[in-house]
Amino acid sequence: MRDIGLLVLRGTVGGLLAGHGAQKLFGAFEGPGLQGTAGMVESMGLRPSKYWAMLAGGSEFAGGLLTALGLGGGLGPVTIFGPMGTAIGTAHWGKPIWVSKGGAELPVINIAVATALLLSGPGRYSLDETLGIDVPRPLIGLALAGTLAGVAYSVFRHRMKRREQEQEAAEKLQSGSKPQQRTAAA
């Protein structure tokens, strides 16, 4: 029963995340496509925006697909950490947890599921098991370290952009409140 449970969990969460990535990359399922995703990413201060959009969509698509299929050991779940961690630290940061309030409820759930799958493995009903694939743990650790570094960088860039925007707004407000000097007409 455990292996069937893992299959259902992998298939559901992995399949939905692959679909979410396809929305961002290809405009599938009424998604924004790469151009729309790049615009959203640009507004968060991540540049070059097309690169970050491909990275976000590609991570969701590939991580979801690998997870759903049970292929590549923990690489699928680790790949899911990237876009979900970035979403938490950028789009959802500072909001109440609930999705109805713009919060990080869904990315947190996705990270929890990815963590559980990373720790438990994909189970008997997976392509890894069928094909006899055993991904070395150091490779998964390296992928995890790279993913966490990427999340930290993207959140840092987002926060820097937000500070710049707040500073510009404060300067505009300050300069707008000063009386303008008029020159006497000759």
N, C-alpha and C. Protein backbone atom coordinates (compact mmCIF):
# COMPACT_ATOMS: atom_id res chain seq x y z
N MET A 1 0.82 -1.20 0.00
CA MET A 1 0.00 0.00 0.00
C MET A 1 0.86 1.26 0.00
N ARG A 2 2.01 1.21 0.68
CA ARG A 2 2.90 2.37 0.73
C ARG A 2 3.31 2.78 -0.69
N ASP A 3 3.66 1.81 -1.51
CA ASP A 3 4.11 2.10 -2.88
C ASP A 3 2.98 2.67 -3.73
N ILE A 4 1.77 2.22 -3.51
CA ILE A 4 0.62 2.79 -4.23
C ILE A 4 0.39 4.22 -3.78
N GLY A 5 0.52 4.47 -2.47
CA GLY A 5 0.39 5.82 -1.93
C GLY A 5 1.43 6.77 -2.54
N LEU A 6 2.67 6.30 -2.65
CA LEU A 6 3.73 7.11 -3.26
C LEU A 6 3.44 7.38 -4.73
N LEU A 7 2.92 6.39 -5.42
CA LEU A 7 2.55 6.56 -6.83
C LEU A 7 1.47 7.63 -6.99
N VAL A 8 0.45 7.58 -6.14
CA VAL A 8 -0.63 8.58 -6.20
C VAL A 8 -0.08 9.97 -5.89
N LEU A 9 0.73 10.06 -4.86
CA LEU A 9 1.31 11.35 -4.46
C LEU A 9 2.21 11.90 -5.56
N ARG A 10 3.10 11.07 -6.07
CA ARG A 10 4.00 11.50 -7.15
C ARG A 10 3.23 11.92 -8.38
N GLY A 11 2.27 11.09 -8.77
CA GLY A 11 1.51 11.37 -10.00
C GLY A 11 0.70 12.64 -9.90
N THR A 12 0.08 12.85 -8.75
CA THR A 12 -0.77 14.04 -8.59
C THR A 12 0.06 15.32 -8.52
N VAL A 13 0.96 15.38 -7.55
CA VAL A 13 1.75 16.62 -7.37
C VAL A 13 2.71 16.82 -8.53
N GLY A 14 3.39 15.77 -8.95
CA GLY A 14 4.31 15.90 -10.08
C GLY A 14 3.59 16.28 -11.36
N GLY A 15 2.46 15.64 -11.61
CA GLY A 15 1.69 15.96 -12.81
C GLY A 15 1.18 17.39 -12.82
N LEU A 16 0.66 17.85 -11.69
CA LEU A 16 0.16 19.22 -11.61
C LEU A 16 1.30 20.25 -11.76
N LEU A 17 2.45 19.97 -11.15
CA LEU A 17 3.57 20.90 -11.30
C LEU A 17 4.12 20.90 -12.73
N ALA A 18 4.14 19.74 -13.37
CA ALA A 18 4.56 19.71 -14.78
C ALA A 18 3.59 20.54 -15.62
N GLY A 19 2.30 20.42 -15.35
CA GLY A 19 1.30 21.23 -16.05
C GLY A 19 1.47 22.71 -15.78
N HIS A 20 1.79 23.06 -14.54
CA HIS A 20 2.01 24.47 -14.17
C HIS A 20 3.23 25.02 -14.93
N GLY A 21 4.26 24.21 -15.03
CA GLY A 21 5.44 24.62 -15.81
C GLY A 21 5.12 24.76 -17.28
N ALA A 22 4.27 23.86 -17.82
CA ALA A 22 3.86 23.96 -19.22
C ALA A 22 3.06 25.22 -19.48
N GLN A 23 2.30 25.68 -18.49
CA GLN A 23 1.59 26.95 -18.63
C GLN A 23 2.59 28.08 -18.82
N LYS A 24 3.64 28.08 -18.02
CA LYS A 24 4.64 29.15 -18.07
C LYS A 24 5.49 29.09 -19.33
N LEU A 25 5.85 27.90 -19.75
CA LEU A 25 6.74 27.74 -20.90
C LEU A 25 6.02 27.84 -22.24
N PHE A 26 4.90 27.14 -22.36
CA PHE A 26 4.27 26.94 -23.66
C PHE A 26 2.89 27.57 -23.80
N GLY A 27 2.38 28.16 -22.70
CA GLY A 27 1.02 28.69 -22.74
C GLY A 27 -0.03 27.61 -22.69
N ALA A 28 0.36 26.39 -22.32
CA ALA A 28 -0.59 25.27 -22.23
C ALA A 28 -1.60 25.54 -21.11
N PHE A 29 -2.76 24.93 -21.21
CA PHE A 29 -3.79 25.01 -20.16
C PHE A 29 -4.13 26.46 -19.82
N GLU A 30 -4.22 27.31 -20.83
CA GLU A 30 -4.57 28.72 -20.70
C GLU A 30 -3.54 29.50 -19.89
N GLY A 31 -2.29 29.06 -19.91
CA GLY A 31 -1.23 29.74 -19.18
C GLY A 31 -0.69 30.94 -19.92
N PRO A 32 0.17 31.71 -19.26
CA PRO A 32 0.68 32.95 -19.85
C PRO A 32 1.74 32.75 -20.93
N GLY A 33 2.33 31.57 -21.02
CA GLY A 33 3.42 31.34 -21.96
C GLY A 33 4.68 32.04 -21.49
N LEU A 34 5.73 31.87 -22.25
CA LEU A 34 7.04 32.40 -21.87
C LEU A 34 7.04 33.92 -21.80
N GLN A 35 6.38 34.57 -22.75
CA GLN A 35 6.35 36.04 -22.77
C GLN A 35 5.64 36.59 -21.54
N GLY A 36 4.48 36.03 -21.21
CA GLY A 36 3.73 36.48 -20.03
C GLY A 36 4.48 36.20 -18.75
N THR A 37 5.11 35.04 -18.68
CA THR A 37 5.88 34.68 -17.50
C THR A 37 7.07 35.62 -17.34
N ALA A 38 7.71 35.96 -18.46
CA ALA A 38 8.84 36.88 -18.41
C ALA A 38 8.41 38.25 -17.88
N GLY A 39 7.23 38.69 -18.26
CA GLY A 39 6.72 39.96 -17.75
C GLY A 39 6.51 39.92 -16.24
N MET A 40 5.96 38.82 -15.75
CA MET A 40 5.75 38.67 -14.31
C MET A 40 7.09 38.65 -13.57
N VAL A 41 8.04 37.91 -14.13
CA VAL A 41 9.35 37.78 -13.51
C VAL A 41 10.08 39.13 -13.52
N GLU A 42 9.93 39.88 -14.60
CA GLU A 42 10.54 41.22 -14.71
C GLU A 42 10.04 42.12 -13.59
N SER A 43 8.75 42.05 -13.29
CA SER A 43 8.18 42.90 -12.25
C SER A 43 8.74 42.56 -10.87
N MET A 44 9.30 41.37 -10.72
CA MET A 44 9.91 40.97 -9.45
C MET A 44 11.39 41.35 -9.38
N GLY A 45 11.91 41.96 -10.43
CA GLY A 45 13.29 42.39 -10.42
C GLY A 45 14.29 41.33 -10.81
N LEU A 46 13.83 40.24 -11.42
CA LEU A 46 14.74 39.18 -11.83
C LEU A 46 15.06 39.36 -13.31
N ARG A 47 16.31 39.69 -13.58
CA ARG A 47 16.73 39.94 -14.96
C ARG A 47 17.97 39.12 -15.28
N PRO A 48 18.12 38.67 -16.50
CA PRO A 48 17.21 38.86 -17.63
C PRO A 48 15.94 38.03 -17.45
N SER A 49 14.82 38.68 -17.65
CA SER A 49 13.54 38.08 -17.29
C SER A 49 13.22 36.82 -18.10
N LYS A 50 13.62 36.78 -19.36
CA LYS A 50 13.33 35.59 -20.16
C LYS A 50 14.09 34.38 -19.62
N TYR A 51 15.30 34.60 -19.19
CA TYR A 51 16.11 33.53 -18.59
C TYR A 51 15.43 33.01 -17.33
N TRP A 52 15.04 33.91 -16.44
CA TRP A 52 14.41 33.51 -15.19
C TRP A 52 13.06 32.84 -15.46
N ALA A 53 12.33 33.31 -16.46
CA ALA A 53 11.05 32.69 -16.82
C ALA A 53 11.27 31.26 -17.31
N MET A 54 12.28 31.06 -18.14
CA MET A 54 12.58 29.70 -18.61
C MET A 54 13.03 28.82 -17.45
N LEU A 55 13.80 29.38 -16.54
CA LEU A 55 14.26 28.62 -15.38
C LEU A 55 13.09 28.22 -14.48
N ALA A 56 12.18 29.15 -14.23
CA ALA A 56 11.02 28.85 -13.38
C ALA A 56 10.13 27.80 -14.04
N GLY A 57 9.73 28.05 -15.28
CA GLY A 57 8.87 27.11 -15.99
C GLY A 57 9.54 25.77 -16.22
N GLY A 58 10.81 25.80 -16.59
CA GLY A 58 11.55 24.56 -16.83
C GLY A 58 11.72 23.73 -15.57
N SER A 59 11.97 24.39 -14.45
CA SER A 59 12.11 23.67 -13.18
C SER A 59 10.81 23.01 -12.78
N GLU A 60 9.71 23.74 -12.94
CA GLU A 60 8.41 23.16 -12.59
C GLU A 60 8.06 22.00 -13.54
N PHE A 61 8.29 22.22 -14.83
CA PHE A 61 7.96 21.20 -15.82
C PHE A 61 8.83 19.95 -15.63
N ALA A 62 10.15 20.13 -15.62
CA ALA A 62 11.07 18.99 -15.50
C ALA A 62 10.96 18.33 -14.13
N GLY A 63 10.95 19.14 -13.07
CA GLY A 63 10.84 18.57 -11.72
C GLY A 63 9.54 17.82 -11.52
N GLY A 64 8.45 18.39 -12.04
CA GLY A 64 7.16 17.72 -11.94
C GLY A 64 7.13 16.42 -12.72
N LEU A 65 7.67 16.46 -13.94
CA LEU A 65 7.68 15.27 -14.79
C LEU A 65 8.54 14.16 -14.18
N LEU A 66 9.75 14.51 -13.75
CA LEU A 66 10.62 13.51 -13.13
C LEU A 66 9.98 12.91 -11.88
N THR A 67 9.33 13.77 -11.10
CA THR A 67 8.67 13.31 -9.88
C THR A 67 7.51 12.38 -10.22
N ALA A 68 6.67 12.78 -11.15
CA ALA A 68 5.50 11.97 -11.52
C ALA A 68 5.93 10.59 -12.02
N LEU A 69 7.00 10.56 -12.80
CA LEU A 69 7.46 9.29 -13.36
C LEU A 69 8.30 8.47 -12.37
N GLY A 70 8.77 9.11 -11.31
CA GLY A 70 9.67 8.41 -10.39
C GLY A 70 10.99 8.12 -11.07
N LEU A 71 11.52 9.13 -11.75
CA LEU A 71 12.74 8.98 -12.53
C LEU A 71 13.80 9.96 -12.04
N GLY A 72 15.01 9.48 -11.88
CA GLY A 72 16.11 10.35 -11.50
C GLY A 72 16.31 10.48 -10.00
N GLY A 73 15.83 9.50 -9.25
CA GLY A 73 16.01 9.55 -7.80
C GLY A 73 15.35 10.79 -7.22
N GLY A 74 16.08 11.49 -6.40
CA GLY A 74 15.56 12.70 -5.76
C GLY A 74 15.71 13.95 -6.59
N LEU A 75 16.20 13.83 -7.83
CA LEU A 75 16.41 15.04 -8.64
C LEU A 75 15.10 15.77 -8.96
N GLY A 76 14.03 15.03 -9.18
CA GLY A 76 12.74 15.67 -9.44
C GLY A 76 12.26 16.49 -8.26
N PRO A 77 12.16 15.87 -7.07
CA PRO A 77 11.75 16.66 -5.90
C PRO A 77 12.69 17.83 -5.60
N VAL A 78 14.00 17.64 -5.75
CA VAL A 78 14.94 18.74 -5.51
C VAL A 78 14.67 19.88 -6.49
N THR A 79 14.40 19.55 -7.72
CA THR A 79 14.14 20.57 -8.73
C THR A 79 12.88 21.37 -8.39
N ILE A 80 11.92 20.74 -7.75
CA ILE A 80 10.69 21.43 -7.34
C ILE A 80 10.99 22.50 -6.29
N PHE A 81 12.00 22.28 -5.45
CA PHE A 81 12.33 23.25 -4.41
C PHE A 81 12.65 24.63 -4.98
N GLY A 82 13.27 24.68 -6.15
CA GLY A 82 13.70 25.95 -6.74
C GLY A 82 12.56 26.93 -6.98
N PRO A 83 11.64 26.60 -7.86
CA PRO A 83 10.57 27.56 -8.13
C PRO A 83 9.64 27.78 -6.94
N MET A 84 9.44 26.74 -6.12
CA MET A 84 8.55 26.91 -4.97
C MET A 84 9.20 27.80 -3.91
N GLY A 85 10.49 27.60 -3.66
CA GLY A 85 11.20 28.46 -2.70
C GLY A 85 11.27 29.89 -3.18
N THR A 86 11.49 30.08 -4.47
CA THR A 86 11.53 31.43 -5.02
C THR A 86 10.16 32.08 -4.94
N ALA A 87 9.11 31.33 -5.21
CA ALA A 87 7.75 31.88 -5.11
C ALA A 87 7.45 32.32 -3.68
N ILE A 88 7.85 31.51 -2.71
CA ILE A 88 7.62 31.87 -1.30
C ILE A 88 8.37 33.16 -0.96
N GLY A 89 9.63 33.24 -1.37
CA GLY A 89 10.47 34.38 -1.01
C GLY A 89 10.23 35.65 -1.81
N THR A 90 9.46 35.55 -2.88
CA THR A 90 9.22 36.74 -3.71
C THR A 90 7.73 37.08 -3.77
N ALA A 91 6.97 36.33 -4.51
CA ALA A 91 5.57 36.66 -4.77
C ALA A 91 4.69 36.57 -3.53
N HIS A 92 5.01 35.68 -2.59
CA HIS A 92 4.13 35.46 -1.45
C HIS A 92 4.66 36.02 -0.13
N TRP A 93 5.88 36.53 -0.13
CA TRP A 93 6.51 36.96 1.11
C TRP A 93 5.75 38.12 1.75
N GLY A 94 5.60 38.05 3.06
CA GLY A 94 4.97 39.14 3.80
C GLY A 94 3.45 39.10 3.80
N LYS A 95 2.87 38.10 3.20
CA LYS A 95 1.42 37.96 3.16
C LYS A 95 1.00 36.85 4.12
N PRO A 96 -0.26 36.85 4.54
CA PRO A 96 -0.72 35.72 5.35
C PRO A 96 -0.52 34.40 4.59
N ILE A 97 -0.42 33.30 5.27
CA ILE A 97 -0.08 32.02 4.65
C ILE A 97 -1.11 31.54 3.64
N TRP A 98 -2.36 31.87 3.81
CA TRP A 98 -3.43 31.29 3.00
C TRP A 98 -3.44 31.82 1.57
N VAL A 99 -3.65 30.93 0.62
CA VAL A 99 -3.66 31.28 -0.79
C VAL A 99 -4.75 32.32 -1.09
N SER A 100 -5.84 32.26 -0.36
CA SER A 100 -6.93 33.22 -0.58
C SER A 100 -6.51 34.65 -0.23
N LYS A 101 -5.41 34.80 0.48
CA LYS A 101 -4.87 36.11 0.84
C LYS A 101 -3.56 36.39 0.08
N GLY A 102 -3.28 35.58 -0.96
CA GLY A 102 -2.05 35.76 -1.73
C GLY A 102 -0.85 35.11 -1.11
N GLY A 103 -1.06 34.26 -0.13
CA GLY A 103 0.04 33.66 0.61
C GLY A 103 0.62 32.41 -0.02
N ALA A 104 1.57 31.84 0.69
CA ALA A 104 2.41 30.76 0.18
C ALA A 104 1.89 29.37 0.51
N GLU A 105 0.62 29.23 0.81
CA GLU A 105 0.06 27.94 1.19
C GLU A 105 0.41 26.83 0.19
N LEU A 106 0.18 27.05 -1.09
CA LEU A 106 0.43 25.99 -2.09
C LEU A 106 1.91 25.69 -2.29
N PRO A 107 2.78 26.69 -2.42
CA PRO A 107 4.20 26.35 -2.52
C PRO A 107 4.74 25.62 -1.29
N VAL A 108 4.23 25.96 -0.11
CA VAL A 108 4.67 25.27 1.11
C VAL A 108 4.24 23.81 1.05
N ILE A 109 3.01 23.55 0.61
CA ILE A 109 2.53 22.17 0.47
C ILE A 109 3.39 21.42 -0.55
N ASN A 110 3.69 22.07 -1.67
CA ASN A 110 4.51 21.41 -2.70
C ASN A 110 5.90 21.08 -2.17
N ILE A 111 6.49 21.97 -1.38
CA ILE A 111 7.81 21.70 -0.80
C ILE A 111 7.71 20.55 0.21
N ALA A 112 6.65 20.52 0.99
CA ALA A 112 6.48 19.43 1.95
C ALA A 112 6.37 18.09 1.24
N VAL A 113 5.59 18.04 0.17
CA VAL A 113 5.45 16.79 -0.60
C VAL A 113 6.78 16.41 -1.24
N ALA A 114 7.47 17.39 -1.83
CA ALA A 114 8.77 17.11 -2.46
C ALA A 114 9.77 16.60 -1.43
N THR A 115 9.75 17.18 -0.23
CA THR A 115 10.65 16.73 0.83
C THR A 115 10.33 15.29 1.23
N ALA A 116 9.05 14.99 1.40
CA ALA A 116 8.65 13.62 1.76
C ALA A 116 9.08 12.62 0.68
N LEU A 117 8.92 13.00 -0.58
CA LEU A 117 9.32 12.10 -1.67
C LEU A 117 10.84 11.97 -1.77
N LEU A 118 11.55 13.06 -1.49
CA LEU A 118 13.01 13.01 -1.49
C LEU A 118 13.50 12.04 -0.41
N LEU A 119 12.89 12.10 0.76
CA LEU A 119 13.32 11.26 1.87
C LEU A 119 12.87 9.80 1.73
N SER A 120 11.69 9.58 1.15
CA SER A 120 11.16 8.22 1.06
C SER A 120 11.58 7.48 -0.20
N GLY A 121 11.93 8.23 -1.24
CA GLY A 121 12.20 7.61 -2.54
C GLY A 121 10.90 7.45 -3.31
N PRO A 122 10.99 7.11 -4.59
CA PRO A 122 9.80 7.09 -5.44
C PRO A 122 8.91 5.86 -5.26
N GLY A 123 9.41 4.83 -4.61
CA GLY A 123 8.61 3.62 -4.42
C GLY A 123 8.80 2.60 -5.53
N ARG A 124 8.14 1.47 -5.37
CA ARG A 124 8.29 0.34 -6.29
C ARG A 124 7.73 0.65 -7.68
N TYR A 125 6.65 1.41 -7.74
CA TYR A 125 6.01 1.69 -9.03
C TYR A 125 6.57 2.97 -9.63
N SER A 126 7.82 2.91 -10.01
CA SER A 126 8.52 4.07 -10.57
C SER A 126 9.44 3.61 -11.70
N LEU A 127 9.81 4.54 -12.54
CA LEU A 127 10.75 4.19 -13.62
C LEU A 127 12.13 3.86 -13.06
N ASP A 128 12.53 4.51 -11.98
CA ASP A 128 13.82 4.16 -11.36
C ASP A 128 13.85 2.68 -10.98
N GLU A 129 12.79 2.22 -10.36
CA GLU A 129 12.72 0.82 -9.93
C GLU A 129 12.68 -0.10 -11.15
N THR A 130 11.86 0.24 -12.12
CA THR A 130 11.71 -0.59 -13.32
C THR A 130 13.01 -0.69 -14.10
N LEU A 131 13.74 0.44 -14.21
CA LEU A 131 14.96 0.48 -15.01
C LEU A 131 16.22 0.20 -14.19
N GLY A 132 16.07 0.05 -12.89
CA GLY A 132 17.23 -0.22 -12.03
C GLY A 132 18.15 0.98 -11.88
N ILE A 133 17.60 2.17 -11.89
CA ILE A 133 18.39 3.39 -11.77
C ILE A 133 18.58 3.74 -10.30
N ASP A 134 19.83 4.04 -9.94
CA ASP A 134 20.14 4.47 -8.58
C ASP A 134 21.04 5.71 -8.69
N VAL A 135 20.46 6.88 -8.49
CA VAL A 135 21.22 8.13 -8.59
C VAL A 135 22.05 8.29 -7.33
N PRO A 136 23.35 8.53 -7.47
CA PRO A 136 24.22 8.68 -6.29
C PRO A 136 23.78 9.84 -5.40
N ARG A 137 23.78 9.61 -4.10
CA ARG A 137 23.38 10.64 -3.14
C ARG A 137 24.21 11.91 -3.25
N PRO A 138 25.55 11.83 -3.47
CA PRO A 138 26.31 13.07 -3.61
C PRO A 138 25.81 13.95 -4.77
N LEU A 139 25.34 13.33 -5.85
CA LEU A 139 24.80 14.10 -6.97
C LEU A 139 23.52 14.81 -6.55
N ILE A 140 22.68 14.14 -5.80
CA ILE A 140 21.44 14.76 -5.32
C ILE A 140 21.78 15.89 -4.34
N GLY A 141 22.77 15.67 -3.49
CA GLY A 141 23.22 16.71 -2.56
C GLY A 141 23.75 17.93 -3.29
N LEU A 142 24.50 17.70 -4.35
CA LEU A 142 25.03 18.80 -5.15
C LEU A 142 23.89 19.57 -5.83
N ALA A 143 22.92 18.83 -6.36
CA ALA A 143 21.75 19.48 -6.98
C ALA A 143 20.98 20.29 -5.95
N LEU A 144 20.85 19.77 -4.74
CA LEU A 144 20.16 20.48 -3.68
C LEU A 144 20.90 21.77 -3.31
N ALA A 145 22.22 21.68 -3.18
CA ALA A 145 23.01 22.87 -2.84
C ALA A 145 22.88 23.93 -3.93
N GLY A 146 22.94 23.53 -5.20
CA GLY A 146 22.79 24.48 -6.30
C GLY A 146 21.41 25.10 -6.33
N THR A 147 20.40 24.29 -6.05
CA THR A 147 19.02 24.80 -6.04
C THR A 147 18.83 25.82 -4.92
N LEU A 148 19.32 25.50 -3.73
CA LEU A 148 19.18 26.43 -2.61
C LEU A 148 19.95 27.72 -2.86
N ALA A 149 21.11 27.63 -3.49
CA ALA A 149 21.86 28.84 -3.84
C ALA A 149 21.08 29.68 -4.84
N GLY A 150 20.47 29.05 -5.82
CA GLY A 150 19.66 29.77 -6.80
C GLY A 150 18.46 30.46 -6.16
N VAL A 151 17.81 29.78 -5.23
CA VAL A 151 16.67 30.38 -4.51
C VAL A 151 17.15 31.59 -3.72
N ALA A 152 18.25 31.44 -3.00
CA ALA A 152 18.78 32.55 -2.20
C ALA A 152 19.10 33.75 -3.10
N TYR A 153 19.71 33.51 -4.24
CA TYR A 153 20.06 34.58 -5.16
C TYR A 153 18.80 35.28 -5.69
N SER A 154 17.81 34.50 -6.10
CA SER A 154 16.61 35.10 -6.67
C SER A 154 15.85 35.92 -5.63
N VAL A 155 15.78 35.44 -4.41
CA VAL A 155 15.10 36.19 -3.35
C VAL A 155 15.89 37.46 -3.04
N PHE A 156 17.22 37.36 -2.99
CA PHE A 156 18.06 38.54 -2.77
C PHE A 156 17.84 39.59 -3.86
N ARG A 157 17.83 39.18 -5.12
CA ARG A 157 17.61 40.12 -6.24
C ARG A 157 16.23 40.77 -6.13
N HIS A 158 15.23 39.99 -5.79
CA HIS A 158 13.88 40.52 -5.63
C HIS A 158 13.82 41.57 -4.53
N ARG A 159 14.44 41.27 -3.40
CA ARG A 159 14.41 42.21 -2.27
C ARG A 159 15.18 43.48 -2.61
N MET A 160 16.29 43.37 -3.34
CA MET A 160 17.05 44.56 -3.76
C MET A 160 16.19 45.43 -4.67
N LYS A 161 15.49 44.81 -5.61
CA LYS A 161 14.63 45.55 -6.53
C LYS A 161 13.52 46.25 -5.75
N ARG A 162 12.94 45.56 -4.79
CA ARG A 162 11.87 46.16 -3.99
C ARG A 162 12.39 47.36 -3.22
N ARG A 163 13.59 47.26 -2.63
CA ARG A 163 14.18 48.40 -1.91
C ARG A 163 14.41 49.58 -2.84
N GLU A 164 14.92 49.30 -4.04
CA GLU A 164 15.13 50.37 -5.01
C GLU A 164 13.83 51.08 -5.35
N GLN A 165 12.77 50.30 -5.57
CA GLN A 165 11.47 50.88 -5.90
C GLN A 165 10.92 51.71 -4.74
N GLU A 166 11.07 51.22 -3.53
CA GLU A 166 10.61 51.98 -2.36
C GLU A 166 11.40 53.26 -2.19
N GLN A 167 12.70 53.21 -2.45
CA GLN A 167 13.55 54.39 -2.34
C GLN A 167 13.17 55.42 -3.40
N GLU A 168 12.94 54.96 -4.63
CA GLU A 168 12.53 55.88 -5.70
C GLU A 168 11.19 56.53 -5.38
N ALA A 169 10.26 55.75 -4.85
CA ALA A 169 8.95 56.30 -4.49
C ALA A 169 9.08 57.35 -3.39
N ALA A 170 9.93 57.07 -2.40
CA ALA A 170 10.15 58.03 -1.31
C ALA A 170 10.79 59.31 -1.83
N GLU A 171 11.74 59.17 -2.75
CA GLU A 171 12.39 60.35 -3.33
C GLU A 171 11.41 61.18 -4.15
N LYS A 172 10.54 60.53 -4.91
CA LYS A 172 9.53 61.25 -5.69
C LYS A 172 8.57 61.99 -4.76
N LEU A 173 8.17 61.33 -3.71
CA LEU A 173 7.26 61.94 -2.75
C LEU A 173 7.92 63.14 -2.09
N GLN A 174 9.17 62.98 -1.72
CA GLN A 174 9.91 64.04 -1.08
C GLN A 174 10.10 65.23 -2.03
N SER A 175 10.48 64.97 -3.27
CA SER A 175 10.70 66.06 -4.22
C SER A 175 9.38 66.70 -4.63
N GLY A 176 8.31 65.97 -4.61
CA GLY A 176 7.00 66.52 -4.96
C GLY A 176 6.43 67.41 -3.88
N SER A 177 6.90 67.25 -2.64
CA SER A 177 6.36 68.05 -1.54
C SER A 177 7.10 69.36 -1.37
N LYS A 178 8.26 69.52 -2.00
CA LYS A 178 9.02 70.77 -1.92
C LYS A 178 8.40 71.79 -2.85
N PRO A 179 8.27 73.01 -2.38
CA PRO A 179 7.75 74.05 -3.28
C PRO A 179 8.76 74.34 -4.37
N GLN A 180 8.26 74.50 -5.58
CA GLN A 180 9.15 74.79 -6.70
C GLN A 180 9.43 76.27 -6.75
N GLN A 181 10.68 76.59 -7.04
CA GLN A 181 11.07 78.01 -7.14
C GLN A 181 10.66 78.54 -8.49
N ARG A 182 10.09 79.71 -8.47
CA ARG A 182 9.71 80.33 -9.73
C ARG A 182 10.65 81.47 -10.03
N THR A 183 10.94 81.62 -11.27
CA THR A 183 11.78 82.75 -11.68
C THR A 183 10.87 83.87 -12.14
N ALA A 184 11.28 85.05 -11.82
CA ALA A 184 10.48 86.22 -12.20
C ALA A 184 10.59 86.43 -13.70
N ALA A 185 9.48 86.68 -14.31
CA ALA A 185 9.47 86.94 -15.75
C ALA A 185 9.99 88.33 -16.01
N ALA A 186 10.87 88.51 -16.96
CA ALA A 186 11.45 89.84 -17.22
C ALA A 186 10.63 90.58 -18.22
